[in-house]
Amino acid sequence: MRKKFRDKFTDPNLIKKINDLENSPQMQEKLDSIKKQMKSKTFNPIYTISSLGIFGIIFAIFIFLFFGRYILIILIFGWEFISKFLKKRKIDVGKLYANNFLLPILENILPNTKINYFEGIKYEIIKNIFSDFEKYYSNCHIIFGDDYKTEFSNLQIFHYVENSEGNNRKVYDYMGQILVSNLKTNIDGHIRIVPVVDKNLFGYKKYGIYNKKHKDEEEIETEYIDFNETYSIFSTDELYTRLVLNPHIMEILNKWKDKMRVSVYMNEKYISISFESNENLFYLPSTKKVIDGLSLAGEYEKVREKLADFYGLIDIISEKL
């Protein structure tokens, strides 16, 4: 039987341990230093201009006065330079935040946890959960130090719509998290549990961004009407599907409908669960005020219950495999 890790996130002793760690003189001194570094890299127009140097500003004025007709080309190249400059600063802040505020917390929960803030979950995993989509962005890739190297990542799926003025507007199709537990199962092919997003006039289920039934899949009906109204099960292994999806798991999944949409994908290599929370977790601080308010305990408190819930659901499902 698979070990359970949900309790790691609900242990009251852990909160005290994180507080004690943060309040130690050595950690306070370190965090103050890190905050100063982070604040120096947040965007501030005055700081940004001054950091380019007085000679750079004089040179820009000279270019403007004597080469005005080429100003468009200059602006394009200038914007490209500034964009790269700001992107590098954002990456620097992300590394400082992940390594000094997130990692100490998560390593206290599950040692040997690793974080790459600007890396995302594998495309293959996203594709197995969702239907065709235009664009996506995934970040804050965490590999927890449990026995199954459980992975976490934020995920946004979106497309662009052109308005009457010819401008593109970004439309989000999905915003939430994915949790992936890497363990071998006895599943032949895969099992998908997909939330029902809507129904058409004839009562047929609609799945939105989530995958509808594929040609190689069979739709599995259960004896529970409420569950069948909330989810559809698509599988290439009916026998194992009925073995895994016992009444307790279906009851748990049904309760999630009041929190957020949840989708489950299982194959012989891993279990993945998507949580459509409509928010990002471990959001990167972008202003000096937010950076001043950062604390280890505060960052943990923001996500503690969600991570416990996420882990709890994957624990319940995987114990049947």
C-alpha atoms as a PDB file:
ATOM      1  CA  MET A   1       0.000   0.000   0.000  1.00  0.00           C
ATOM      2  CA  ARG A   2       1.216   3.461  -0.880  1.00  0.00           C
ATOM      3  CA  LYS A   3       2.353   5.701   1.969  1.00  0.00           C
ATOM      4  CA  LYS A   4       0.085   8.672   2.727  1.00  0.00           C
ATOM      5  CA  PHE A   5       1.547  12.163   2.934  1.00  0.00           C
ATOM      6  CA  ARG A   6      -1.453  14.415   3.548  1.00  0.00           C
ATOM      7  CA  ASP A   7      -0.765  14.492   7.303  1.00  0.00           C
ATOM      8  CA  LYS A   8       2.617  16.066   6.609  1.00  0.00           C
ATOM      9  CA  PHE A   9       0.787  19.268   5.673  1.00  0.00           C
ATOM     10  CA  THR A  10      -1.657  19.240   8.588  1.00  0.00           C
ATOM     11  CA  ASP A  11       0.800  18.511  11.422  1.00  0.00           C
ATOM     12  CA  PRO A  12       0.435  21.403  13.979  1.00  0.00           C
ATOM     13  CA  ASN A  13       4.000  20.822  15.140  1.00  0.00           C
ATOM     14  CA  LEU A  14       5.226  21.768  11.689  1.00  0.00           C
ATOM     15  CA  ILE A  15       3.795  25.297  11.950  1.00  0.00           C
ATOM     16  CA  LYS A  16       5.662  25.785  15.232  1.00  0.00           C
ATOM     17  CA  LYS A  17       8.829  24.416  13.638  1.00  0.00           C
ATOM     18  CA  ILE A  18       8.591  26.881  10.740  1.00  0.00           C
ATOM     19  CA  ASN A  19       7.930  29.783  13.121  1.00  0.00           C
ATOM     20  CA  ASP A  20      10.926  28.820  15.263  1.00  0.00           C
ATOM     21  CA  LEU A  21      13.106  28.587  12.160  1.00  0.00           C
ATOM     22  CA  GLU A  22      12.002  31.993  10.901  1.00  0.00           C
ATOM     23  CA  ASN A  23      12.420  33.734  14.266  1.00  0.00           C
ATOM     24  CA  SER A  24      15.965  32.546  14.815  1.00  0.00           C
ATOM     25  CA  PRO A  25      18.504  35.433  14.618  1.00  0.00           C
ATOM     26  CA  GLN A  26      20.450  33.711  11.836  1.00  0.00           C
ATOM     27  CA  MET A  27      17.364  33.248   9.638  1.00  0.00           C
ATOM     28  CA  GLN A  28      16.086  36.780  10.335  1.00  0.00           C
ATOM     29  CA  GLU A  29      19.396  38.226   9.226  1.00  0.00           C
ATOM     30  CA  LYS A  30      19.399  36.052   6.106  1.00  0.00           C
ATOM     31  CA  LEU A  31      15.796  36.884   5.150  1.00  0.00           C
ATOM     32  CA  ASP A  32      16.386  40.632   5.621  1.00  0.00           C
ATOM     33  CA  SER A  33      19.336  40.406   3.264  1.00  0.00           C
ATOM     34  CA  ILE A  34      17.305  38.416   0.716  1.00  0.00           C
ATOM     35  CA  LYS A  35      14.457  40.944   0.846  1.00  0.00           C
ATOM     36  CA  LYS A  36      16.890  43.784   0.102  1.00  0.00           C
ATOM     37  CA  GLN A  37      18.171  41.892  -2.930  1.00  0.00           C
ATOM     38  CA  MET A  38      14.630  41.184  -4.138  1.00  0.00           C
ATOM     39  CA  LYS A  39      13.540  44.804  -3.730  1.00  0.00           C
ATOM     40  CA  SER A  40      16.549  46.021  -5.709  1.00  0.00           C
ATOM     41  CA  LYS A  41      15.353  43.877  -8.621  1.00  0.00           C
ATOM     42  CA  THR A  42      11.672  44.830  -8.663  1.00  0.00           C
ATOM     43  CA  PHE A  43      10.579  47.168 -11.454  1.00  0.00           C
ATOM     44  CA  ASN A  44      10.892  50.862 -10.651  1.00  0.00           C
ATOM     45  CA  PRO A  45      11.064  53.269 -13.616  1.00  0.00           C
ATOM     46  CA  ILE A  46      13.435  55.685 -11.871  1.00  0.00           C
ATOM     47  CA  TYR A  47      15.692  52.884 -10.671  1.00  0.00           C
ATOM     48  CA  THR A  48      15.621  51.241 -14.098  1.00  0.00           C
ATOM     49  CA  ILE A  49      16.652  54.446 -15.895  1.00  0.00           C
ATOM     50  CA  SER A  50      19.376  55.204 -13.369  1.00  0.00           C
ATOM     51  CA  SER A  51      20.690  51.657 -13.595  1.00  0.00           C
ATOM     52  CA  LEU A  52      21.254  52.156 -17.310  1.00  0.00           C
ATOM     53  CA  GLY A  53      23.732  54.887 -16.434  1.00  0.00           C
ATOM     54  CA  ILE A  54      23.984  58.620 -17.118  1.00  0.00           C
ATOM     55  CA  PHE A  55      26.018  57.989 -20.262  1.00  0.00           C
ATOM     56  CA  GLY A  56      23.283  55.769 -21.633  1.00  0.00           C
ATOM     57  CA  ILE A  57      20.715  58.531 -21.096  1.00  0.00           C
ATOM     58  CA  ILE A  58      22.930  61.160 -22.771  1.00  0.00           C
ATOM     59  CA  PHE A  59      23.518  58.809 -25.675  1.00  0.00           C
ATOM     60  CA  ALA A  60      19.732  58.249 -26.011  1.00  0.00           C
ATOM     61  CA  ILE A  61      19.124  62.035 -26.136  1.00  0.00           C
ATOM     62  CA  PHE A  62      21.857  62.414 -28.754  1.00  0.00           C
ATOM     63  CA  ILE A  63      20.293  59.682 -30.903  1.00  0.00           C
ATOM     64  CA  PHE A  64      16.858  61.293 -30.593  1.00  0.00           C
ATOM     65  CA  LEU A  65      18.112  64.746 -31.646  1.00  0.00           C
ATOM     66  CA  PHE A  66      20.243  63.703 -34.600  1.00  0.00           C
ATOM     67  CA  PHE A  67      18.565  60.566 -35.865  1.00  0.00           C
ATOM     68  CA  GLY A  68      14.887  61.374 -35.288  1.00  0.00           C
ATOM     69  CA  ARG A  69      13.761  59.779 -38.543  1.00  0.00           C
ATOM     70  CA  TYR A  70      15.079  56.438 -37.368  1.00  0.00           C
ATOM     71  CA  ILE A  71      13.303  56.740 -34.022  1.00  0.00           C
ATOM     72  CA  LEU A  72      10.949  53.808 -34.709  1.00  0.00           C
ATOM     73  CA  ILE A  73      13.831  51.420 -35.312  1.00  0.00           C
ATOM     74  CA  ILE A  74      15.597  52.747 -32.234  1.00  0.00           C
ATOM     75  CA  LEU A  75      12.463  52.275 -30.130  1.00  0.00           C
ATOM     76  CA  ILE A  76      12.067  48.681 -31.319  1.00  0.00           C
ATOM     77  CA  PHE A  77      15.632  47.773 -30.435  1.00  0.00           C
ATOM     78  CA  GLY A  78      15.404  49.763 -27.200  1.00  0.00           C
ATOM     79  CA  TRP A  79      12.249  47.951 -26.137  1.00  0.00           C
ATOM     80  CA  GLU A  80      13.861  44.590 -26.898  1.00  0.00           C
ATOM     81  CA  PHE A  81      16.821  45.525 -24.704  1.00  0.00           C
ATOM     82  CA  ILE A  82      14.593  46.697 -21.841  1.00  0.00           C
ATOM     83  CA  SER A  83      12.404  43.588 -22.121  1.00  0.00           C
ATOM     84  CA  LYS A  84      15.413  41.296 -21.770  1.00  0.00           C
ATOM     85  CA  PHE A  85      16.683  43.441 -18.898  1.00  0.00           C
ATOM     86  CA  LEU A  86      13.351  43.218 -17.020  1.00  0.00           C
ATOM     87  CA  LYS A  87      12.955  39.502 -17.752  1.00  0.00           C
ATOM     88  CA  LYS A  88      16.337  38.771 -16.205  1.00  0.00           C
ATOM     89  CA  ARG A  89      15.407  40.755 -13.094  1.00  0.00           C
ATOM     90  CA  LYS A  90      12.127  38.807 -12.813  1.00  0.00           C
ATOM     91  CA  ILE A  91      14.037  35.521 -13.048  1.00  0.00           C
ATOM     92  CA  ASP A  92      16.434  36.721 -10.342  1.00  0.00           C
ATOM     93  CA  VAL A  93      13.502  37.586  -8.029  1.00  0.00           C
ATOM     94  CA  GLY A  94      11.917  34.190  -8.766  1.00  0.00           C
ATOM     95  CA  LYS A  95      15.085  32.332  -7.796  1.00  0.00           C
ATOM     96  CA  LEU A  96      15.500  34.339  -4.580  1.00  0.00           C
ATOM     97  CA  TYR A  97      11.839  33.774  -3.653  1.00  0.00           C
ATOM     98  CA  ALA A  98      11.838  30.036  -4.442  1.00  0.00           C
ATOM     99  CA  ASN A  99      15.173  29.222  -2.809  1.00  0.00           C
ATOM    100  CA  ASN A 100      14.760  31.317   0.350  1.00  0.00           C
ATOM    101  CA  PHE A 101      11.028  31.437   1.116  1.00  0.00           C
ATOM    102  CA  LEU A 102       9.502  28.334  -0.474  1.00  0.00           C
ATOM    103  CA  LEU A 103      12.249  25.731  -0.266  1.00  0.00           C
ATOM    104  CA  PRO A 104      12.931  26.057   3.504  1.00  0.00           C
ATOM    105  CA  ILE A 105       9.211  25.493   4.158  1.00  0.00           C
ATOM    106  CA  LEU A 106       8.773  22.540   1.831  1.00  0.00           C
ATOM    107  CA  GLU A 107      12.006  20.862   2.891  1.00  0.00           C
ATOM    108  CA  ASN A 108      10.740  20.919   6.471  1.00  0.00           C
ATOM    109  CA  ILE A 109       7.636  19.061   5.275  1.00  0.00           C
ATOM    110  CA  LEU A 110       9.305  16.679   2.816  1.00  0.00           C
ATOM    111  CA  PRO A 111      13.128  16.748   2.765  1.00  0.00           C
ATOM    112  CA  ASN A 112      14.899  16.681  -0.617  1.00  0.00           C
ATOM    113  CA  THR A 113      12.130  18.721  -2.266  1.00  0.00           C
ATOM    114  CA  LYS A 114      13.275  20.650  -5.363  1.00  0.00           C
ATOM    115  CA  ILE A 115      11.861  23.803  -6.999  1.00  0.00           C
ATOM    116  CA  ASN A 116      12.345  25.423 -10.377  1.00  0.00           C
ATOM    117  CA  TYR A 117      10.054  28.464 -10.331  1.00  0.00           C
ATOM    118  CA  PHE A 118      10.108  29.164 -14.079  1.00  0.00           C
ATOM    119  CA  GLU A 119       9.837  25.548 -15.185  1.00  0.00           C
ATOM    120  CA  GLY A 120       6.482  23.877 -15.793  1.00  0.00           C
ATOM    121  CA  ILE A 121       4.901  20.443 -15.896  1.00  0.00           C
ATOM    122  CA  LYS A 122       5.573  18.275 -18.969  1.00  0.00           C
ATOM    123  CA  TYR A 123       3.466  18.950 -22.049  1.00  0.00           C
ATOM    124  CA  GLU A 124       2.614  15.230 -22.341  1.00  0.00           C
ATOM    125  CA  ILE A 125       0.876  15.323 -18.952  1.00  0.00           C
ATOM    126  CA  ILE A 126      -1.112  18.470 -19.827  1.00  0.00           C
ATOM    127  CA  LYS A 127      -2.144  17.005 -23.187  1.00  0.00           C
ATOM    128  CA  ASN A 128      -3.497  13.835 -21.566  1.00  0.00           C
ATOM    129  CA  ILE A 129      -5.825  15.873 -19.328  1.00  0.00           C
ATOM    130  CA  PHE A 130      -7.005  18.628 -21.660  1.00  0.00           C
ATOM    131  CA  SER A 131      -8.318  18.813 -25.219  1.00  0.00           C
ATOM    132  CA  ASP A 132      -6.722  20.812 -28.013  1.00  0.00           C
ATOM    133  CA  PHE A 133      -5.719  24.256 -26.812  1.00  0.00           C
ATOM    134  CA  GLU A 134      -3.951  27.248 -28.299  1.00  0.00           C
ATOM    135  CA  LYS A 135      -1.518  28.338 -25.609  1.00  0.00           C
ATOM    136  CA  TYR A 136      -0.521  27.467 -22.077  1.00  0.00           C
ATOM    137  CA  TYR A 137       1.840  28.662 -19.385  1.00  0.00           C
ATOM    138  CA  SER A 138       3.062  26.482 -16.535  1.00  0.00           C
ATOM    139  CA  ASN A 139       5.334  27.572 -13.681  1.00  0.00           C
ATOM    140  CA  CYS A 140       6.472  26.853 -10.125  1.00  0.00           C
ATOM    141  CA  HIS A 141       7.451  23.248 -10.792  1.00  0.00           C
ATOM    142  CA  ILE A 142       7.976  21.494  -7.456  1.00  0.00           C
ATOM    143  CA  ILE A 143       9.211  17.926  -7.073  1.00  0.00           C
ATOM    144  CA  PHE A 144       8.355  16.893  -3.523  1.00  0.00           C
ATOM    145  CA  GLY A 145      10.738  14.669  -1.605  1.00  0.00           C
ATOM    146  CA  ASP A 146       8.244  11.842  -1.049  1.00  0.00           C
ATOM    147  CA  ASP A 147       8.672   8.236  -2.181  1.00  0.00           C
ATOM    148  CA  TYR A 148       6.854   8.932  -5.466  1.00  0.00           C
ATOM    149  CA  LYS A 149       8.540  12.210  -6.428  1.00  0.00           C
ATOM    150  CA  THR A 150       5.117  13.859  -6.590  1.00  0.00           C
ATOM    151  CA  GLU A 151       5.171  16.883  -8.897  1.00  0.00           C
ATOM    152  CA  PHE A 152       3.268  20.143  -8.562  1.00  0.00           C
ATOM    153  CA  SER A 153       2.838  22.993 -11.017  1.00  0.00           C
ATOM    154  CA  ASN A 154       0.628  25.997 -11.691  1.00  0.00           C
ATOM    155  CA  LEU A 155      -1.055  25.943 -15.087  1.00  0.00           C
ATOM    156  CA  GLN A 156      -2.848  28.501 -17.261  1.00  0.00           C
ATOM    157  CA  ILE A 157      -4.517  27.614 -20.569  1.00  0.00           C
ATOM    158  CA  PHE A 158      -5.721  30.481 -22.735  1.00  0.00           C
ATOM    159  CA  HIS A 159      -6.520  31.734 -26.224  1.00  0.00           C
ATOM    160  CA  TYR A 160      -6.847  35.116 -27.898  1.00  0.00           C
ATOM    161  CA  VAL A 161     -10.022  36.705 -29.257  1.00  0.00           C
ATOM    162  CA  GLU A 162      -9.983  39.634 -31.649  1.00  0.00           C
ATOM    163  CA  ASN A 163     -12.359  42.469 -30.760  1.00  0.00           C
ATOM    164  CA  SER A 164     -14.149  44.861 -33.117  1.00  0.00           C
ATOM    165  CA  GLU A 165     -11.147  47.213 -33.097  1.00  0.00           C
ATOM    166  CA  GLY A 166      -8.792  44.485 -34.231  1.00  0.00           C
ATOM    167  CA  ASN A 167      -7.051  44.118 -30.845  1.00  0.00           C
ATOM    168  CA  ASN A 168      -6.400  40.719 -29.293  1.00  0.00           C
ATOM    169  CA  ARG A 169      -7.832  39.951 -25.868  1.00  0.00           C
ATOM    170  CA  LYS A 170      -6.555  37.060 -23.766  1.00  0.00           C
ATOM    171  CA  VAL A 171      -9.269  34.635 -22.617  1.00  0.00           C
ATOM    172  CA  TYR A 172      -8.463  32.063 -19.927  1.00  0.00           C
ATOM    173  CA  ASP A 173      -9.822  28.548 -20.479  1.00  0.00           C
ATOM    174  CA  TYR A 174      -8.243  27.119 -17.334  1.00  0.00           C
ATOM    175  CA  MET A 175      -6.329  28.375 -14.323  1.00  0.00           C
ATOM    176  CA  GLY A 176      -5.235  26.086 -11.535  1.00  0.00           C
ATOM    177  CA  GLN A 177      -2.777  23.396 -10.501  1.00  0.00           C
ATOM    178  CA  ILE A 178      -1.673  19.906 -11.502  1.00  0.00           C
ATOM    179  CA  LEU A 179      -0.377  17.257  -9.116  1.00  0.00           C
ATOM    180  CA  VAL A 180       1.381  14.166 -10.522  1.00  0.00           C
ATOM    181  CA  SER A 181       2.382  11.119  -8.489  1.00  0.00           C
ATOM    182  CA  ASN A 182       4.878   8.875 -10.254  1.00  0.00           C
ATOM    183  CA  LEU A 183       4.078   5.268  -9.395  1.00  0.00           C
ATOM    184  CA  LYS A 184       3.565   2.077 -11.313  1.00  0.00           C
ATOM    185  CA  THR A 185       0.012   0.809 -11.599  1.00  0.00           C
ATOM    186  CA  ASN A 186      -1.628  -2.242 -13.157  1.00  0.00           C
ATOM    187  CA  ILE A 187      -3.738  -0.174 -15.524  1.00  0.00           C
ATOM    188  CA  ASP A 188      -3.873  -1.359 -19.119  1.00  0.00           C
ATOM    189  CA  GLY A 189      -3.899   1.910 -21.044  1.00  0.00           C
ATOM    190  CA  HIS A 190      -5.499   4.716 -19.047  1.00  0.00           C
ATOM    191  CA  ILE A 191      -8.476   5.922 -17.012  1.00  0.00           C
ATOM    192  CA  ARG A 192      -9.840   9.476 -17.195  1.00  0.00           C
ATOM    193  CA  ILE A 193     -12.361  11.084 -14.867  1.00  0.00           C
ATOM    194  CA  VAL A 194     -13.585  14.290 -16.493  1.00  0.00           C
ATOM    195  CA  PRO A 195     -15.828  16.987 -14.969  1.00  0.00           C
ATOM    196  CA  VAL A 196     -19.073  17.795 -16.772  1.00  0.00           C
ATOM    197  CA  VAL A 197     -18.912  21.518 -17.571  1.00  0.00           C
ATOM    198  CA  ASP A 198     -22.379  21.969 -19.079  1.00  0.00           C
ATOM    199  CA  LYS A 199     -25.167  20.278 -21.052  1.00  0.00           C
ATOM    200  CA  ASN A 200     -26.741  21.241 -24.357  1.00  0.00           C
ATOM    201  CA  LEU A 201     -30.454  21.567 -25.098  1.00  0.00           C
ATOM    202  CA  PHE A 202     -30.751  17.825 -25.669  1.00  0.00           C
ATOM    203  CA  GLY A 203     -29.078  16.908 -22.377  1.00  0.00           C
ATOM    204  CA  TYR A 204     -25.767  15.848 -23.886  1.00  0.00           C
ATOM    205  CA  LYS A 205     -22.759  16.505 -21.665  1.00  0.00           C
ATOM    206  CA  LYS A 206     -20.232  19.200 -22.551  1.00  0.00           C
ATOM    207  CA  TYR A 207     -16.646  19.123 -21.268  1.00  0.00           C
ATOM    208  CA  GLY A 208     -15.177  22.464 -22.315  1.00  0.00           C
ATOM    209  CA  ILE A 209     -11.390  22.418 -22.186  1.00  0.00           C
ATOM    210  CA  TYR A 210     -11.399  18.825 -20.891  1.00  0.00           C
ATOM    211  CA  ASN A 211     -11.124  15.927 -23.304  1.00  0.00           C
ATOM    212  CA  LYS A 212     -14.320  14.303 -24.543  1.00  0.00           C
ATOM    213  CA  LYS A 213     -14.448  10.547 -25.219  1.00  0.00           C
ATOM    214  CA  HIS A 214     -11.756   9.226 -27.558  1.00  0.00           C
ATOM    215  CA  LYS A 215     -12.262   6.482 -30.125  1.00  0.00           C
ATOM    216  CA  ASP A 216     -10.301   3.908 -28.125  1.00  0.00           C
ATOM    217  CA  GLU A 217     -12.184   4.647 -24.880  1.00  0.00           C
ATOM    218  CA  GLU A 218     -15.342   3.311 -23.332  1.00  0.00           C
ATOM    219  CA  GLU A 219     -17.585   5.467 -21.159  1.00  0.00           C
ATOM    220  CA  ILE A 220     -18.150   3.787 -17.798  1.00  0.00           C
ATOM    221  CA  GLU A 221     -21.479   4.435 -16.091  1.00  0.00           C
ATOM    222  CA  THR A 222     -21.764   4.008 -12.326  1.00  0.00           C
ATOM    223  CA  GLU A 223     -24.825   3.231 -10.203  1.00  0.00           C
ATOM    224  CA  TYR A 224     -24.562   6.661  -8.551  1.00  0.00           C
ATOM    225  CA  ILE A 225     -26.704   9.236 -10.369  1.00  0.00           C
ATOM    226  CA  ASP A 226     -25.130  12.273  -8.674  1.00  0.00           C
ATOM    227  CA  PHE A 227     -21.659  11.144  -9.701  1.00  0.00           C
ATOM    228  CA  ASN A 228     -22.743  10.487 -13.289  1.00  0.00           C
ATOM    229  CA  GLU A 229     -24.205  14.010 -13.458  1.00  0.00           C
ATOM    230  CA  THR A 230     -20.957  15.585 -12.227  1.00  0.00           C
ATOM    231  CA  TYR A 231     -18.312  13.442 -13.968  1.00  0.00           C
ATOM    232  CA  SER A 232     -17.778  11.182 -16.951  1.00  0.00           C
ATOM    233  CA  ILE A 233     -15.384   8.235 -16.824  1.00  0.00           C
ATOM    234  CA  PHE A 234     -13.525   7.352 -20.021  1.00  0.00           C
ATOM    235  CA  SER A 235     -11.368   4.249 -19.890  1.00  0.00           C
ATOM    236  CA  THR A 236      -9.474   1.657 -21.910  1.00  0.00           C
ATOM    237  CA  ASP A 237      -9.572  -0.782 -18.957  1.00  0.00           C
ATOM    238  CA  GLU A 238     -13.132  -1.294 -17.662  1.00  0.00           C
ATOM    239  CA  LEU A 239     -12.238  -4.058 -15.199  1.00  0.00           C
ATOM    240  CA  TYR A 240      -9.584  -2.016 -13.414  1.00  0.00           C
ATOM    241  CA  THR A 241     -11.716   1.121 -13.545  1.00  0.00           C
ATOM    242  CA  ARG A 242     -14.499  -0.548 -11.576  1.00  0.00           C
ATOM    243  CA  LEU A 243     -11.929  -1.919  -9.128  1.00  0.00           C
ATOM    244  CA  VAL A 244     -10.374   1.502  -8.493  1.00  0.00           C
ATOM    245  CA  LEU A 245     -13.501   3.652  -8.357  1.00  0.00           C
ATOM    246  CA  ASN A 246     -15.193   2.469  -5.193  1.00  0.00           C
ATOM    247  CA  PRO A 247     -18.099   4.396  -3.580  1.00  0.00           C
ATOM    248  CA  HIS A 248     -15.758   6.208  -1.165  1.00  0.00           C
ATOM    249  CA  ILE A 249     -13.655   7.705  -3.968  1.00  0.00           C
ATOM    250  CA  MET A 250     -16.747   8.750  -5.902  1.00  0.00           C
ATOM    251  CA  GLU A 251     -18.162  10.405  -2.781  1.00  0.00           C
ATOM    252  CA  ILE A 252     -14.909  12.320  -2.254  1.00  0.00           C
ATOM    253  CA  LEU A 253     -14.848  13.488  -5.881  1.00  0.00           C
ATOM    254  CA  ASN A 254     -18.483  14.548  -5.660  1.00  0.00           C
ATOM    255  CA  LYS A 255     -17.692  16.774  -2.683  1.00  0.00           C
ATOM    256  CA  TRP A 256     -15.014  18.554  -4.694  1.00  0.00           C
ATOM    257  CA  LYS A 257     -17.633  19.946  -7.089  1.00  0.00           C
ATOM    258  CA  ASP A 258     -18.495  22.604  -4.471  1.00  0.00           C
ATOM    259  CA  LYS A 259     -14.832  23.712  -4.313  1.00  0.00           C
ATOM    260  CA  MET A 260     -13.564  23.493  -7.878  1.00  0.00           C
ATOM    261  CA  ARG A 261     -13.551  21.301 -10.957  1.00  0.00           C
ATOM    262  CA  VAL A 262     -11.263  18.290 -10.663  1.00  0.00           C
ATOM    263  CA  SER A 263     -10.009  15.983 -13.404  1.00  0.00           C
ATOM    264  CA  VAL A 264      -8.120  12.699 -12.912  1.00  0.00           C
ATOM    265  CA  TYR A 265      -5.873  10.856 -15.365  1.00  0.00           C
ATOM    266  CA  MET A 266      -4.204   7.520 -14.608  1.00  0.00           C
ATOM    267  CA  ASN A 267      -1.983   5.267 -16.686  1.00  0.00           C
ATOM    268  CA  GLU A 268       0.644   2.608 -15.970  1.00  0.00           C
ATOM    269  CA  LYS A 269       3.260   5.233 -14.999  1.00  0.00           C
ATOM    270  CA  TYR A 270       1.516   7.939 -12.977  1.00  0.00           C
ATOM    271  CA  ILE A 271      -1.638   9.502 -11.550  1.00  0.00           C
ATOM    272  CA  SER A 272      -2.299  13.151 -12.390  1.00  0.00           C
ATOM    273  CA  ILE A 273      -5.010  15.366 -10.948  1.00  0.00           C
ATOM    274  CA  SER A 274      -5.888  18.850 -12.158  1.00  0.00           C
ATOM    275  CA  PHE A 275      -7.496  21.344  -9.794  1.00  0.00           C
ATOM    276  CA  GLU A 276      -9.295  24.263 -11.474  1.00  0.00           C
ATOM    277  CA  SER A 277      -8.829  26.663  -8.546  1.00  0.00           C
ATOM    278  CA  ASN A 278      -8.869  29.835 -10.729  1.00  0.00           C
ATOM    279  CA  GLU A 279      -5.747  31.120  -8.999  1.00  0.00           C
ATOM    280  CA  ASN A 280      -1.984  30.667  -8.912  1.00  0.00           C
ATOM    281  CA  LEU A 281      -0.277  29.368  -5.795  1.00  0.00           C
ATOM    282  CA  PHE A 282       3.116  30.627  -4.602  1.00  0.00           C
ATOM    283  CA  TYR A 283       2.547  33.858  -6.524  1.00  0.00           C
ATOM    284  CA  LEU A 284       5.759  35.734  -7.274  1.00  0.00           C
ATOM    285  CA  PRO A 285       6.008  38.998  -5.225  1.00  0.00           C
ATOM    286  CA  SER A 286       6.215  41.985  -7.553  1.00  0.00           C
ATOM    287  CA  THR A 287       6.253  45.087  -5.319  1.00  0.00           C
ATOM    288  CA  LYS A 288       8.458  46.250  -2.469  1.00  0.00           C
ATOM    289  CA  LYS A 289       5.478  46.354  -0.108  1.00  0.00           C
ATOM    290  CA  VAL A 290       4.674  42.688  -0.781  1.00  0.00           C
ATOM    291  CA  ILE A 291       8.324  41.714  -0.387  1.00  0.00           C
ATOM    292  CA  ASP A 292       8.507  43.503   2.991  1.00  0.00           C
ATOM    293  CA  GLY A 293       5.544  41.413   4.160  1.00  0.00           C
ATOM    294  CA  LEU A 294       7.027  38.057   3.140  1.00  0.00           C
ATOM    295  CA  SER A 295       7.511  35.437   5.827  1.00  0.00           C
ATOM    296  CA  LEU A 296       8.064  31.692   5.863  1.00  0.00           C
ATOM    297  CA  ALA A 297       5.017  31.062   8.035  1.00  0.00           C
ATOM    298  CA  GLY A 298       2.886  33.451   5.969  1.00  0.00           C
ATOM    299  CA  GLU A 299       3.730  31.793   2.655  1.00  0.00           C
ATOM    300  CA  TYR A 300       3.006  28.369   4.126  1.00  0.00           C
ATOM    301  CA  GLU A 301      -0.309  29.463   5.603  1.00  0.00           C
ATOM    302  CA  LYS A 302      -1.499  30.669   2.174  1.00  0.00           C
ATOM    303  CA  VAL A 303      -1.248  27.193   0.645  1.00  0.00           C
ATOM    304  CA  ARG A 304      -1.232  24.734   3.550  1.00  0.00           C
ATOM    305  CA  GLU A 305      -4.888  23.685   3.329  1.00  0.00           C
ATOM    306  CA  LYS A 306      -4.888  23.473  -0.468  1.00  0.00           C
ATOM    307  CA  LEU A 307      -1.761  21.317  -0.586  1.00  0.00           C
ATOM    308  CA  ALA A 308      -3.194  19.065   2.130  1.00  0.00           C
ATOM    309  CA  ASP A 309      -6.423  18.685   0.124  1.00  0.00           C
ATOM    310  CA  PHE A 310      -4.532  18.023  -3.110  1.00  0.00           C
ATOM    311  CA  TYR A 311      -2.319  15.403  -1.491  1.00  0.00           C
ATOM    312  CA  GLY A 312      -5.287  13.894   0.336  1.00  0.00           C
ATOM    313  CA  LEU A 313      -7.162  13.245  -2.889  1.00  0.00           C
ATOM    314  CA  ILE A 314      -4.183  11.674  -4.630  1.00  0.00           C
ATOM    315  CA  ASP A 315      -3.545   9.536  -1.513  1.00  0.00           C
ATOM    316  CA  ILE A 316      -7.127   8.225  -1.534  1.00  0.00           C
ATOM    317  CA  ILE A 317      -7.089   7.336  -5.231  1.00  0.00           C
ATOM    318  CA  SER A 318      -3.608   5.831  -5.312  1.00  0.00           C
ATOM    319  CA  GLU A 319      -4.158   3.527  -2.324  1.00  0.00           C
ATOM    320  CA  LYS A 320      -6.453   1.464  -4.551  1.00  0.00           C
ATOM    321  CA  LEU A 321      -3.743   0.893  -7.145  1.00  0.00           C
END
